[in-house]
PDB file of all heavy atoms in Angstrom:
ATOM      1  N   ARG A   1     -17.029 -13.236  -9.030  1.00  0.00           N
ATOM      2  CA  ARG A   1     -15.622 -12.931  -9.276  1.00  0.00           C
ATOM      3  C   ARG A   1     -15.169 -11.765  -8.421  1.00  0.00           C
ATOM      4  O   ARG A   1     -15.850 -10.752  -8.336  1.00  0.00           O
ATOM      5  CB  ARG A   1     -15.412 -12.599 -10.759  1.00  0.00           C
ATOM      6  CG  ARG A   1     -13.962 -12.275 -11.111  1.00  0.00           C
ATOM      7  CD  ARG A   1     -13.815 -11.928 -12.574  1.00  0.00           C
ATOM      8  NE  ARG A   1     -14.423 -10.648 -12.902  1.00  0.00           N
ATOM      9  CZ  ARG A   1     -13.819  -9.470 -12.763  1.00  0.00           C
ATOM     10  NH1 ARG A   1     -12.601  -9.398 -12.251  1.00  0.00           N
ATOM     11  NH2 ARG A   1     -14.440  -8.358 -13.103  1.00  0.00           N
ATOM     12  N   LYS A   2     -14.017 -11.936  -7.798  1.00  0.00           N
ATOM     13  CA  LYS A   2     -13.481 -10.844  -6.995  1.00  0.00           C
ATOM     14  C   LYS A   2     -12.971  -9.733  -7.908  1.00  0.00           C
ATOM     15  O   LYS A   2     -12.386  -9.996  -8.951  1.00  0.00           O
ATOM     16  CB  LYS A   2     -12.323 -11.343  -6.113  1.00  0.00           C
ATOM     17  CG  LYS A   2     -12.776 -12.144  -4.908  1.00  0.00           C
ATOM     18  CD  LYS A   2     -11.593 -12.437  -3.994  1.00  0.00           C
ATOM     19  CE  LYS A   2     -12.051 -13.127  -2.719  1.00  0.00           C
ATOM     20  NZ  LYS A   2     -10.918 -13.366  -1.787  1.00  0.00           N
ATOM     21  N   LYS A   3     -13.197  -8.501  -7.509  1.00  0.00           N
ATOM     22  CA  LYS A   3     -12.722  -7.355  -8.272  1.00  0.00           C
ATOM     23  C   LYS A   3     -11.194  -7.284  -8.214  1.00  0.00           C
ATOM     24  O   LYS A   3     -10.593  -7.455  -7.169  1.00  0.00           O
ATOM     25  CB  LYS A   3     -13.327  -6.060  -7.725  1.00  0.00           C
ATOM     26  CG  LYS A   3     -14.849  -5.972  -7.830  1.00  0.00           C
ATOM     27  CD  LYS A   3     -15.302  -5.825  -9.261  1.00  0.00           C
ATOM     28  CE  LYS A   3     -16.810  -5.638  -9.357  1.00  0.00           C
ATOM     29  NZ  LYS A   3     -17.258  -5.528 -10.760  1.00  0.00           N
ATOM     30  N   LYS A   4     -10.611  -7.009  -9.366  1.00  0.00           N
ATOM     31  CA  LYS A   4      -9.143  -6.936  -9.470  1.00  0.00           C
ATOM     32  C   LYS A   4      -8.649  -5.541  -9.071  1.00  0.00           C
ATOM     33  O   LYS A   4      -9.203  -4.537  -9.509  1.00  0.00           O
ATOM     34  CB  LYS A   4      -8.703  -7.236 -10.900  1.00  0.00           C
ATOM     35  CG  LYS A   4      -9.046  -8.641 -11.378  1.00  0.00           C
ATOM     36  CD  LYS A   4      -8.670  -8.845 -12.837  1.00  0.00           C
ATOM     37  CE  LYS A   4      -9.559  -8.035 -13.768  1.00  0.00           C
ATOM     38  NZ  LYS A   4      -9.267  -8.293 -15.201  1.00  0.00           N
ATOM     39  N   VAL A   5      -7.586  -5.541  -8.279  1.00  0.00           N
ATOM     40  CA  VAL A   5      -7.028  -4.274  -7.779  1.00  0.00           C
ATOM     41  C   VAL A   5      -5.555  -4.159  -8.168  1.00  0.00           C
ATOM     42  O   VAL A   5      -4.798  -5.122  -8.072  1.00  0.00           O
ATOM     43  CB  VAL A   5      -7.160  -4.177  -6.239  1.00  0.00           C
ATOM     44  CG1 VAL A   5      -6.428  -2.948  -5.715  1.00  0.00           C
ATOM     45  CG2 VAL A   5      -8.621  -4.137  -5.829  1.00  0.00           C
ATOM     46  N   MET A   6      -5.171  -2.966  -8.594  1.00  0.00           N
ATOM     47  CA  MET A   6      -3.764  -2.636  -8.786  1.00  0.00           C
ATOM     48  C   MET A   6      -3.461  -1.389  -7.962  1.00  0.00           C
ATOM     49  O   MET A   6      -4.283  -0.471  -7.889  1.00  0.00           O
ATOM     50  CB  MET A   6      -3.436  -2.384 -10.254  1.00  0.00           C
ATOM     51  CG  MET A   6      -3.212  -3.647 -11.054  1.00  0.00           C
ATOM     52  SD  MET A   6      -2.586  -3.299 -12.721  1.00  0.00           S
ATOM     53  CE  MET A   6      -2.173  -4.949 -13.252  1.00  0.00           C
ATOM     54  N   ILE A   7      -2.277  -1.376  -7.346  1.00  0.00           N
ATOM     55  CA  ILE A   7      -1.887  -0.263  -6.482  1.00  0.00           C
ATOM     56  C   ILE A   7      -0.683   0.452  -7.091  1.00  0.00           C
ATOM     57  O   ILE A   7       0.284  -0.184  -7.522  1.00  0.00           O
ATOM     58  CB  ILE A   7      -1.556  -0.761  -5.061  1.00  0.00           C
ATOM     59  CG1 ILE A   7      -2.798  -1.415  -4.433  1.00  0.00           C
ATOM     60  CG2 ILE A   7      -1.060   0.382  -4.176  1.00  0.00           C
ATOM     61  CD1 ILE A   7      -2.555  -2.076  -3.089  1.00  0.00           C
ATOM     62  N   PHE A   8      -0.772   1.771  -7.126  1.00  0.00           N
ATOM     63  CA  PHE A   8       0.272   2.602  -7.720  1.00  0.00           C
ATOM     64  C   PHE A   8       0.822   3.538  -6.639  1.00  0.00           C
ATOM     65  O   PHE A   8       0.117   4.454  -6.192  1.00  0.00           O
ATOM     66  CB  PHE A   8      -0.309   3.410  -8.896  1.00  0.00           C
ATOM     67  CG  PHE A   8      -0.942   2.550  -9.962  1.00  0.00           C
ATOM     68  CD1 PHE A   8      -2.248   2.087  -9.831  1.00  0.00           C
ATOM     69  CD2 PHE A   8      -0.230   2.191 -11.101  1.00  0.00           C
ATOM     70  CE1 PHE A   8      -2.834   1.286 -10.801  1.00  0.00           C
ATOM     71  CE2 PHE A   8      -0.803   1.389 -12.089  1.00  0.00           C
ATOM     72  CZ  PHE A   8      -2.106   0.940 -11.931  1.00  0.00           C
ATOM     73  N   ILE A   9       2.064   3.289  -6.217  1.00  0.00           N
ATOM     74  CA  ILE A   9       2.643   4.020  -5.083  1.00  0.00           C
ATOM     75  C   ILE A   9       3.678   5.034  -5.545  1.00  0.00           C
ATOM     76  O   ILE A   9       4.670   4.672  -6.185  1.00  0.00           O
ATOM     77  CB  ILE A   9       3.294   3.047  -4.079  1.00  0.00           C
ATOM     78  CG1 ILE A   9       2.257   2.061  -3.523  1.00  0.00           C
ATOM     79  CG2 ILE A   9       3.960   3.820  -2.942  1.00  0.00           C
ATOM     80  CD1 ILE A   9       2.856   0.985  -2.629  1.00  0.00           C
ATOM     81  N   ASP A  10       3.442   6.289  -5.211  1.00  0.00           N
ATOM     82  CA  ASP A  10       4.444   7.336  -5.400  1.00  0.00           C
ATOM     83  C   ASP A  10       5.396   7.239  -4.217  1.00  0.00           C
ATOM     84  O   ASP A  10       5.133   7.749  -3.131  1.00  0.00           O
ATOM     85  CB  ASP A  10       3.752   8.708  -5.447  1.00  0.00           C
ATOM     86  CG  ASP A  10       4.718   9.853  -5.683  1.00  0.00           C
ATOM     87  OD1 ASP A  10       5.933   9.667  -5.476  1.00  0.00           O
ATOM     88  OD2 ASP A  10       4.263  10.954  -6.060  1.00  0.00           O
ATOM     89  N   GLY A  11       6.533   6.550  -4.420  1.00  0.00           N
ATOM     90  CA  GLY A  11       7.435   6.198  -3.329  1.00  0.00           C
ATOM     91  C   GLY A  11       8.014   7.373  -2.569  1.00  0.00           C
ATOM     92  O   GLY A  11       8.061   7.365  -1.341  1.00  0.00           O
ATOM     93  N   SER A  12       8.461   8.387  -3.287  1.00  0.00           N
ATOM     94  CA  SER A  12       9.056   9.559  -2.644  1.00  0.00           C
ATOM     95  C   SER A  12       8.030  10.291  -1.788  1.00  0.00           C
ATOM     96  O   SER A  12       8.303  10.690  -0.655  1.00  0.00           O
ATOM     97  CB  SER A  12       9.633  10.504  -3.703  1.00  0.00           C
ATOM     98  OG  SER A  12      10.187  11.641  -3.104  1.00  0.00           O
ATOM     99  N   ASN A  13       6.833  10.442  -2.329  1.00  0.00           N
ATOM    100  CA  ASN A  13       5.738  11.104  -1.618  1.00  0.00           C
ATOM    101  C   ASN A  13       5.399  10.344  -0.338  1.00  0.00           C
ATOM    102  O   ASN A  13       5.300  10.924   0.749  1.00  0.00           O
ATOM    103  CB  ASN A  13       4.525  11.192  -2.547  1.00  0.00           C
ATOM    104  CG  ASN A  13       3.369  11.969  -1.953  1.00  0.00           C
ATOM    105  OD1 ASN A  13       2.741  11.519  -1.009  1.00  0.00           O
ATOM    106  ND2 ASN A  13       3.078  13.124  -2.518  1.00  0.00           N
ATOM    107  N   LEU A  14       5.267   9.020  -0.454  1.00  0.00           N
ATOM    108  CA  LEU A  14       4.909   8.198   0.697  1.00  0.00           C
ATOM    109  C   LEU A  14       6.007   8.230   1.763  1.00  0.00           C
ATOM    110  O   LEU A  14       5.717   8.342   2.959  1.00  0.00           O
ATOM    111  CB  LEU A  14       4.662   6.752   0.257  1.00  0.00           C
ATOM    112  CG  LEU A  14       4.276   5.763   1.355  1.00  0.00           C
ATOM    113  CD1 LEU A  14       2.967   6.159   2.029  1.00  0.00           C
ATOM    114  CD2 LEU A  14       4.173   4.342   0.816  1.00  0.00           C
ATOM    115  N   TYR A  15       7.245   8.160   1.338  1.00  0.00           N
ATOM    116  CA  TYR A  15       8.382   8.178   2.264  1.00  0.00           C
ATOM    117  C   TYR A  15       8.349   9.421   3.153  1.00  0.00           C
ATOM    118  O   TYR A  15       8.471   9.342   4.374  1.00  0.00           O
ATOM    119  CB  TYR A  15       9.687   8.128   1.463  1.00  0.00           C
ATOM    120  CG  TYR A  15      10.935   8.363   2.280  1.00  0.00           C
ATOM    121  CD1 TYR A  15      11.485   7.351   3.059  1.00  0.00           C
ATOM    122  CD2 TYR A  15      11.567   9.607   2.266  1.00  0.00           C
ATOM    123  CE1 TYR A  15      12.633   7.572   3.818  1.00  0.00           C
ATOM    124  CE2 TYR A  15      12.712   9.836   3.015  1.00  0.00           C
ATOM    125  CZ  TYR A  15      13.239   8.816   3.786  1.00  0.00           C
ATOM    126  OH  TYR A  15      14.367   9.044   4.543  1.00  0.00           O
ATOM    127  N   HIS A  16       8.155  10.581   2.536  1.00  0.00           N
ATOM    128  CA  HIS A  16       8.189  11.840   3.292  1.00  0.00           C
ATOM    129  C   HIS A  16       6.976  12.009   4.217  1.00  0.00           C
ATOM    130  O   HIS A  16       7.118  12.491   5.341  1.00  0.00           O
ATOM    131  CB  HIS A  16       8.297  13.027   2.336  1.00  0.00           C
ATOM    132  CG  HIS A  16       9.661  13.147   1.712  1.00  0.00           C
ATOM    133  ND1 HIS A  16       9.938  12.754   0.427  1.00  0.00           N
ATOM    134  CD2 HIS A  16      10.837  13.579   2.224  1.00  0.00           C
ATOM    135  CE1 HIS A  16      11.222  12.952   0.165  1.00  0.00           C
ATOM    136  NE2 HIS A  16      11.794  13.450   1.237  1.00  0.00           N
ATOM    137  N   VAL A  17       5.787  11.588   3.754  1.00  0.00           N
ATOM    138  CA  VAL A  17       4.613  11.742   4.628  1.00  0.00           C
ATOM    139  C   VAL A  17       4.641  10.743   5.785  1.00  0.00           C
ATOM    140  O   VAL A  17       4.145  11.029   6.871  1.00  0.00           O
ATOM    141  CB  VAL A  17       3.269  11.631   3.854  1.00  0.00           C
ATOM    142  CG1 VAL A  17       3.123  12.776   2.878  1.00  0.00           C
ATOM    143  CG2 VAL A  17       3.115  10.299   3.155  1.00  0.00           C
ATOM    144  N   LEU A  18       5.240   9.568   5.568  1.00  0.00           N
ATOM    145  CA  LEU A  18       5.374   8.601   6.665  1.00  0.00           C
ATOM    146  C   LEU A  18       6.321   9.134   7.731  1.00  0.00           C
ATOM    147  O   LEU A  18       6.033   9.039   8.928  1.00  0.00           O
ATOM    148  CB  LEU A  18       5.885   7.252   6.138  1.00  0.00           C
ATOM    149  CG  LEU A  18       4.883   6.370   5.407  1.00  0.00           C
ATOM    150  CD1 LEU A  18       5.552   5.097   4.896  1.00  0.00           C
ATOM    151  CD2 LEU A  18       3.696   6.008   6.286  1.00  0.00           C
ATOM    152  N   LEU A  19       7.435   9.708   7.309  1.00  0.00           N
ATOM    153  CA  LEU A  19       8.372  10.289   8.274  1.00  0.00           C
ATOM    154  C   LEU A  19       7.723  11.428   9.051  1.00  0.00           C
ATOM    155  O   LEU A  19       7.885  11.541  10.269  1.00  0.00           O
ATOM    156  CB  LEU A  19       9.620  10.808   7.550  1.00  0.00           C
ATOM    157  CG  LEU A  19      10.678   9.782   7.145  1.00  0.00           C
ATOM    158  CD1 LEU A  19      11.859  10.478   6.496  1.00  0.00           C
ATOM    159  CD2 LEU A  19      11.166   8.964   8.341  1.00  0.00           C
ATOM    160  N   LYS A  20       6.967  12.236   8.334  1.00  0.00           N
ATOM    161  CA  LYS A  20       6.326  13.396   8.962  1.00  0.00           C
ATOM    162  C   LYS A  20       5.227  12.986   9.941  1.00  0.00           C
ATOM    163  O   LYS A  20       5.115  13.542  11.036  1.00  0.00           O
ATOM    164  CB  LYS A  20       5.732  14.299   7.877  1.00  0.00           C
ATOM    165  CG  LYS A  20       5.068  15.558   8.411  1.00  0.00           C
ATOM    166  CD  LYS A  20       4.454  16.372   7.283  1.00  0.00           C
ATOM    167  CE  LYS A  20       3.694  17.582   7.831  1.00  0.00           C
ATOM    168  NZ  LYS A  20       3.037  18.354   6.746  1.00  0.00           N
ATOM    169  N   ASN A  21       4.407  12.003   9.563  1.00  0.00           N
ATOM    170  CA  ASN A  21       3.236  11.652  10.376  1.00  0.00           C
ATOM    171  C   ASN A  21       3.462  10.472  11.321  1.00  0.00           C
ATOM    172  O   ASN A  21       2.744  10.345  12.315  1.00  0.00           O
ATOM    173  CB  ASN A  21       2.052  11.324   9.460  1.00  0.00           C
ATOM    174  CG  ASN A  21       1.534  12.533   8.719  1.00  0.00           C
ATOM    175  OD1 ASN A  21       0.752  13.310   9.252  1.00  0.00           O
ATOM    176  ND2 ASN A  21       1.969  12.710   7.479  1.00  0.00           N
ATOM    177  N   CYS A  22       4.427   9.601  10.994  1.00  0.00           N
ATOM    178  CA  CYS A  22       4.633   8.404  11.811  1.00  0.00           C
ATOM    179  C   CYS A  22       6.027   8.319  12.417  1.00  0.00           C
ATOM    180  O   CYS A  22       6.268   7.479  13.296  1.00  0.00           O
ATOM    181  CB  CYS A  22       4.380   7.143  10.968  1.00  0.00           C
ATOM    182  SG  CYS A  22       2.746   7.094  10.199  1.00  0.00           S
ATOM    183  N   GLY A  23       6.946   9.133  11.915  1.00  0.00           N
ATOM    184  CA  GLY A  23       8.297   9.116  12.442  1.00  0.00           C
ATOM    185  C   GLY A  23       9.147   7.955  11.963  1.00  0.00           C
ATOM    186  O   GLY A  23      10.263   7.738  12.447  1.00  0.00           O
ATOM    187  N   ARG A  24       8.662   7.205  10.995  1.00  0.00           N
ATOM    188  CA  ARG A  24       9.422   6.083  10.432  1.00  0.00           C
ATOM    189  C   ARG A  24       8.898   5.765   9.029  1.00  0.00           C
ATOM    190  O   ARG A  24       7.820   6.195   8.649  1.00  0.00           O
ATOM    191  CB  ARG A  24       9.335   4.851  11.339  1.00  0.00           C
ATOM    192  CG  ARG A  24       7.938   4.347  11.593  1.00  0.00           C
ATOM    193  CD  ARG A  24       7.874   3.293  12.687  1.00  0.00           C
ATOM    194  NE  ARG A  24       8.616   2.096  12.341  1.00  0.00           N
ATOM    195  CZ  ARG A  24       8.613   0.988  13.099  1.00  0.00           C
ATOM    196  NH1 ARG A  24       7.933   0.950  14.228  1.00  0.00           N
ATOM    197  NH2 ARG A  24       9.304  -0.073  12.738  1.00  0.00           N
ATOM    198  N   SER A  25       9.678   4.990   8.269  1.00  0.00           N
ATOM    199  CA  SER A  25       9.283   4.713   6.882  1.00  0.00           C
ATOM    200  C   SER A  25       9.499   3.260   6.481  1.00  0.00           C
ATOM    201  O   SER A  25       9.319   2.901   5.321  1.00  0.00           O
ATOM    202  CB  SER A  25      10.074   5.610   5.925  1.00  0.00           C
ATOM    203  OG  SER A  25      11.463   5.333   6.032  1.00  0.00           O
ATOM    204  N   ASP A  26       9.902   2.402   7.458  1.00  0.00           N
ATOM    205  CA  ASP A  26      10.223   1.000   7.153  1.00  0.00           C
ATOM    206  C   ASP A  26       8.952   0.156   7.031  1.00  0.00           C
ATOM    207  O   ASP A  26       8.661  -0.719   7.837  1.00  0.00           O
ATOM    208  CB  ASP A  26      11.166   0.430   8.219  1.00  0.00           C
ATOM    209  CG  ASP A  26      10.628   0.614   9.633  1.00  0.00           C
ATOM    210  OD1 ASP A  26       9.954   1.621   9.894  1.00  0.00           O
ATOM    211  OD2 ASP A  26      10.887  -0.255  10.486  1.00  0.00           O
ATOM    212  N   LEU A  27       8.239   0.401   5.960  1.00  0.00           N
ATOM    213  CA  LEU A  27       6.922  -0.201   5.734  1.00  0.00           C
ATOM    214  C   LEU A  27       7.040  -1.585   5.092  1.00  0.00           C
ATOM    215  O   LEU A  27       7.886  -1.802   4.231  1.00  0.00           O
ATOM    216  CB  LEU A  27       6.120   0.732   4.814  1.00  0.00           C
ATOM    217  CG  LEU A  27       4.655   0.418   4.544  1.00  0.00           C
ATOM    218  CD1 LEU A  27       3.836   0.495   5.820  1.00  0.00           C
ATOM    219  CD2 LEU A  27       4.097   1.408   3.518  1.00  0.00           C
ATOM    220  N   MET A  28       6.182  -2.505   5.517  1.00  0.00           N
ATOM    221  CA  MET A  28       6.068  -3.800   4.840  1.00  0.00           C
ATOM    222  C   MET A  28       5.067  -3.611   3.694  1.00  0.00           C
ATOM    223  O   MET A  28       3.853  -3.602   3.913  1.00  0.00           O
ATOM    224  CB  MET A  28       5.600  -4.884   5.810  1.00  0.00           C
ATOM    225  CG  MET A  28       6.625  -5.226   6.879  1.00  0.00           C
ATOM    226  SD  MET A  28       6.230  -6.722   7.815  1.00  0.00           S
ATOM    227  CE  MET A  28       4.771  -6.205   8.728  1.00  0.00           C
ATOM    228  N   PHE A  29       5.570  -3.446   2.491  1.00  0.00           N
ATOM    229  CA  PHE A  29       4.726  -3.069   1.357  1.00  0.00           C
ATOM    230  C   PHE A  29       3.703  -4.130   0.980  1.00  0.00           C
ATOM    231  O   PHE A  29       2.601  -3.815   0.547  1.00  0.00           O
ATOM    232  CB  PHE A  29       5.606  -2.724   0.152  1.00  0.00           C
ATOM    233  CG  PHE A  29       6.253  -1.375   0.260  1.00  0.00           C
ATOM    234  CD1 PHE A  29       7.497  -1.234   0.855  1.00  0.00           C
ATOM    235  CD2 PHE A  29       5.614  -0.237  -0.206  1.00  0.00           C
ATOM    236  CE1 PHE A  29       8.102   0.006   0.983  1.00  0.00           C
ATOM    237  CE2 PHE A  29       6.204   1.009  -0.075  1.00  0.00           C
ATOM    238  CZ  PHE A  29       7.449   1.132   0.511  1.00  0.00           C
ATOM    239  N   SER A  30       4.069  -5.385   1.154  1.00  0.00           N
ATOM    240  CA  SER A  30       3.136  -6.473   0.845  1.00  0.00           C
ATOM    241  C   SER A  30       1.907  -6.401   1.766  1.00  0.00           C
ATOM    242  O   SER A  30       0.758  -6.484   1.316  1.00  0.00           O
ATOM    243  CB  SER A  30       3.827  -7.819   0.988  1.00  0.00           C
ATOM    244  OG  SER A  30       2.964  -8.875   0.670  1.00  0.00           O
ATOM    245  N   SER A  31       2.156  -6.225   3.069  1.00  0.00           N
ATOM    246  CA  SER A  31       1.059  -6.129   4.042  1.00  0.00           C
ATOM    247  C   SER A  31       0.245  -4.856   3.826  1.00  0.00           C
ATOM    248  O   SER A  31      -0.989  -4.855   3.970  1.00  0.00           O
ATOM    249  CB  SER A  31       1.623  -6.138   5.469  1.00  0.00           C
ATOM    250  OG  SER A  31       2.346  -7.321   5.710  1.00  0.00           O
ATOM    251  N   PHE A  32       0.932  -3.778   3.487  1.00  0.00           N
ATOM    252  CA  PHE A  32       0.268  -2.508   3.193  1.00  0.00           C
ATOM    253  C   PHE A  32      -0.685  -2.665   2.007  1.00  0.00           C
ATOM    254  O   PHE A  32      -1.842  -2.214   2.046  1.00  0.00           O
ATOM    255  CB  PHE A  32       1.336  -1.454   2.890  1.00  0.00           C
ATOM    256  CG  PHE A  32       0.803  -0.089   2.518  1.00  0.00           C
ATOM    257  CD1 PHE A  32      -0.111   0.571   3.314  1.00  0.00           C
ATOM    258  CD2 PHE A  32       1.263   0.545   1.363  1.00  0.00           C
ATOM    259  CE1 PHE A  32      -0.591   1.843   2.974  1.00  0.00           C
ATOM    260  CE2 PHE A  32       0.793   1.807   1.015  1.00  0.00           C
ATOM    261  CZ  PHE A  32      -0.129   2.452   1.822  1.00  0.00           C
ATOM    262  N   GLY A  33      -0.216  -3.337   0.957  1.00  0.00           N
ATOM    263  CA  GLY A  33      -1.051  -3.571  -0.223  1.00  0.00           C
ATOM    264  C   GLY A  33      -2.273  -4.416   0.083  1.00  0.00           C
ATOM    265  O   GLY A  33      -3.379  -4.138  -0.381  1.00  0.00           O
ATOM    266  N   LYS A  34      -2.068  -5.444   0.907  1.00  0.00           N
ATOM    267  CA  LYS A  34      -3.185  -6.328   1.271  1.00  0.00           C
ATOM    268  C   LYS A  34      -4.230  -5.583   2.095  1.00  0.00           C
ATOM    269  O   LYS A  34      -5.437  -5.804   1.929  1.00  0.00           O
ATOM    270  CB  LYS A  34      -2.661  -7.537   2.056  1.00  0.00           C
ATOM    271  CG  LYS A  34      -1.932  -8.545   1.192  1.00  0.00           C
ATOM    272  CD  LYS A  34      -1.299  -9.648   2.029  1.00  0.00           C
ATOM    273  CE  LYS A  34      -0.490 -10.596   1.167  1.00  0.00           C
ATOM    274  NZ  LYS A  34       0.239 -11.606   1.969  1.00  0.00           N
ATOM    275  N   LYS A  35      -3.774  -4.702   2.981  1.00  0.00           N
ATOM    276  CA  LYS A  35      -4.724  -3.954   3.814  1.00  0.00           C
ATOM    277  C   LYS A  35      -5.531  -2.979   2.963  1.00  0.00           C
ATOM    278  O   LYS A  35      -6.738  -2.819   3.170  1.00  0.00           O
ATOM    279  CB  LYS A  35      -3.986  -3.199   4.919  1.00  0.00           C
ATOM    280  CG  LYS A  35      -4.933  -2.515   5.895  1.00  0.00           C
ATOM    281  CD  LYS A  35      -4.247  -2.074   7.166  1.00  0.00           C
ATOM    282  CE  LYS A  35      -5.245  -1.468   8.144  1.00  0.00           C
ATOM    283  NZ  LYS A  35      -4.636  -1.092   9.430  1.00  0.00           N
ATOM    284  N   LEU A  36      -4.883  -2.316   2.017  1.00  0.00           N
ATOM    285  CA  LEU A  36      -5.601  -1.397   1.128  1.00  0.00           C
ATOM    286  C   LEU A  36      -6.630  -2.137   0.277  1.00  0.00           C
ATOM    287  O   LEU A  36      -7.715  -1.631  -0.002  1.00  0.00           O
ATOM    288  CB  LEU A  36      -4.612  -0.664   0.216  1.00  0.00           C
ATOM    289  CG  LEU A  36      -3.738   0.436   0.840  1.00  0.00           C
ATOM    290  CD1 LEU A  36      -2.705   0.913  -0.171  1.00  0.00           C
ATOM    291  CD2 LEU A  36      -4.588   1.612   1.313  1.00  0.00           C
ATOM    292  N   THR A  37      -6.263  -3.340  -0.153  1.00  0.00           N
ATOM    293  CA  THR A  37      -7.138  -4.131  -1.040  1.00  0.00           C
ATOM    294  C   THR A  37      -8.341  -4.692  -0.297  1.00  0.00           C
ATOM    295  O   THR A  37      -9.470  -4.644  -0.796  1.00  0.00           O
ATOM    296  CB  THR A  37      -6.340  -5.286  -1.671  1.00  0.00           C
ATOM    297  OG1 THR A  37      -5.222  -4.749  -2.383  1.00  0.00           O
ATOM    298  CG2 THR A  37      -7.203  -6.086  -2.630  1.00  0.00           C
ATOM    299  N   GLY A  38      -8.112  -5.223   0.890  1.00  0.00           N
ATOM    300  CA  GLY A  38      -9.193  -5.851   1.650  1.00  0.00           C
ATOM    301  C   GLY A  38      -9.399  -7.308   1.248  1.00  0.00           C
ATOM    302  O   GLY A  38      -8.868  -7.771   0.234  1.00  0.00           O
ATOM    303  N   LYS A  39     -10.183  -8.017   2.027  1.00  0.00           N
ATOM    304  CA  LYS A  39     -10.387  -9.456   1.803  1.00  0.00           C
ATOM    305  C   LYS A  39     -11.329  -9.764   0.644  1.00  0.00           C
ATOM    306  O   LYS A  39     -11.302 -10.866   0.086  1.00  0.00           O
ATOM    307  CB  LYS A  39     -10.935 -10.098   3.088  1.00  0.00           C
ATOM    308  CG  LYS A  39      -9.935 -10.092   4.238  1.00  0.00           C
ATOM    309  CD  LYS A  39     -10.530 -10.712   5.483  1.00  0.00           C
ATOM    310  CE  LYS A  39      -9.535 -10.682   6.650  1.00  0.00           C
ATOM    311  NZ  LYS A  39     -10.133 -11.248   7.884  1.00  0.00           N
ATOM    312  N   ASP A  40     -12.186  -8.830   0.296  1.00  0.00           N
ATOM    313  CA  ASP A  40     -13.205  -9.103  -0.728  1.00  0.00           C
ATOM    314  C   ASP A  40     -12.744  -8.784  -2.148  1.00  0.00           C
ATOM    315  O   ASP A  40     -13.512  -8.920  -3.093  1.00  0.00           O
ATOM    316  CB  ASP A  40     -14.487  -8.302  -0.422  1.00  0.00           C
ATOM    317  CG  ASP A  40     -15.098  -8.704   0.908  1.00  0.00           C
ATOM    318  OD1 ASP A  40     -14.981  -9.897   1.264  1.00  0.00           O
ATOM    319  OD2 ASP A  40     -15.682  -7.844   1.593  1.00  0.00           O
ATOM    320  N   ARG A  41     -11.481  -8.347  -2.282  1.00  0.00           N
ATOM    321  CA  ARG A  41     -10.958  -8.043  -3.614  1.00  0.00           C
ATOM    322  C   ARG A  41      -9.634  -8.784  -3.821  1.00  0.00           C
ATOM    323  O   ARG A  41      -9.053  -9.297  -2.880  1.00  0.00           O
ATOM    324  CB  ARG A  41     -10.760  -6.531  -3.783  1.00  0.00           C
ATOM    325  CG  ARG A  41     -12.028  -5.735  -3.572  1.00  0.00           C
ATOM    326  CD  ARG A  41     -11.870  -4.259  -3.933  1.00  0.00           C
ATOM    327  NE  ARG A  41     -10.988  -3.535  -3.030  1.00  0.00           N
ATOM    328  CZ  ARG A  41     -10.803  -2.221  -3.055  1.00  0.00           C
ATOM    329  NH1 ARG A  41     -11.434  -1.488  -3.959  1.00  0.00           N
ATOM    330  NH2 ARG A  41      -9.986  -1.625  -2.196  1.00  0.00           N
ATOM    331  N   GLU A  42      -9.186  -8.826  -5.051  1.00  0.00           N
ATOM    332  CA  GLU A  42      -7.956  -9.548  -5.378  1.00  0.00           C
ATOM    333  C   GLU A  42      -6.867  -8.566  -5.804  1.00  0.00           C
ATOM    334  O   GLU A  42      -7.038  -7.816  -6.768  1.00  0.00           O
ATOM    335  CB  GLU A  42      -8.224 -10.543  -6.515  1.00  0.00           C
ATOM    336  CG  GLU A  42      -7.010 -11.368  -6.893  1.00  0.00           C
ATOM    337  CD  GLU A  42      -7.264 -12.250  -8.119  1.00  0.00           C
ATOM    338  OE1 GLU A  42      -8.368 -12.182  -8.691  1.00  0.00           O
ATOM    339  OE2 GLU A  42      -6.338 -12.985  -8.490  1.00  0.00           O
ATOM    340  N   LEU A  43      -5.748  -8.601  -5.088  1.00  0.00           N
ATOM    341  CA  LEU A  43      -4.626  -7.734  -5.420  1.00  0.00           C
ATOM    342  C   LEU A  43      -3.812  -8.372  -6.545  1.00  0.00           C
ATOM    343  O   LEU A  43      -3.218  -9.434  -6.383  1.00  0.00           O
ATOM    344  CB  LEU A  43      -3.737  -7.518  -4.186  1.00  0.00           C
ATOM    345  CG  LEU A  43      -2.470  -6.681  -4.386  1.00  0.00           C
ATOM    346  CD1 LEU A  43      -2.796  -5.296  -4.916  1.00  0.00           C
ATOM    347  CD2 LEU A  43      -1.684  -6.588  -3.083  1.00  0.00           C
ATOM    348  N   LYS A  44      -3.788  -7.717  -7.688  1.00  0.00           N
ATOM    349  CA  LYS A  44      -3.083  -8.250  -8.853  1.00  0.00           C
ATOM    350  C   LYS A  44      -1.623  -7.808  -8.897  1.00  0.00           C
ATOM    351  O   LYS A  44      -0.741  -8.582  -9.228  1.00  0.00           O
ATOM    352  CB  LYS A  44      -3.773  -7.812 -10.155  1.00  0.00           C
ATOM    353  CG  LYS A  44      -5.223  -8.251 -10.285  1.00  0.00           C
ATOM    354  CD  LYS A  44      -5.383  -9.766 -10.238  1.00  0.00           C
ATOM    355  CE  LYS A  44      -4.883 -10.455 -11.500  1.00  0.00           C
ATOM    356  NZ  LYS A  44      -5.162 -11.915 -11.474  1.00  0.00           N
ATOM    357  N   LYS A  45      -1.391  -6.533  -8.543  1.00  0.00           N
ATOM    358  CA  LYS A  45      -0.020  -6.033  -8.651  1.00  0.00           C
ATOM    359  C   LYS A  45       0.144  -4.719  -7.892  1.00  0.00           C
ATOM    360  O   LYS A  45      -0.805  -3.944  -7.780  1.00  0.00           O
ATOM    361  CB  LYS A  45       0.359  -5.821 -10.125  1.00  0.00           C
ATOM    362  CG  LYS A  45       1.851  -5.693 -10.363  1.00  0.00           C
ATOM    363  CD  LYS A  45       2.155  -5.863 -11.857  1.00  0.00           C
ATOM    364  CE  LYS A  45       3.641  -5.977 -12.084  1.00  0.00           C
ATOM    365  NZ  LYS A  45       3.976  -6.252 -13.480  1.00  0.00           N
ATOM    366  N   ILE A  46       1.372  -4.500  -7.401  1.00  0.00           N
ATOM    367  CA  ILE A  46       1.747  -3.213  -6.796  1.00  0.00           C
ATOM    368  C   ILE A  46       2.867  -2.620  -7.650  1.00  0.00           C
ATOM    369  O   ILE A  46       3.863  -3.290  -7.944  1.00  0.00           O
ATOM    370  CB  ILE A  46       2.265  -3.386  -5.353  1.00  0.00           C
ATOM    371  CG1 ILE A  46       1.196  -4.000  -4.445  1.00  0.00           C
ATOM    372  CG2 ILE A  46       2.714  -2.032  -4.782  1.00  0.00           C
ATOM    373  CD1 ILE A  46       1.702  -4.366  -3.048  1.00  0.00           C
TER     374      ILE A  46
END
């Protein structure tokens, strides 16, 4: 059985650090969640 994953995003925190470190904040959250989860686990919810 694949391990179940849930992701909890502090939106305001992420927005400001993305602007500071990447210069943009228009993130594709679905793809971001999948990358954090990886192929060997199952993403249940963000």
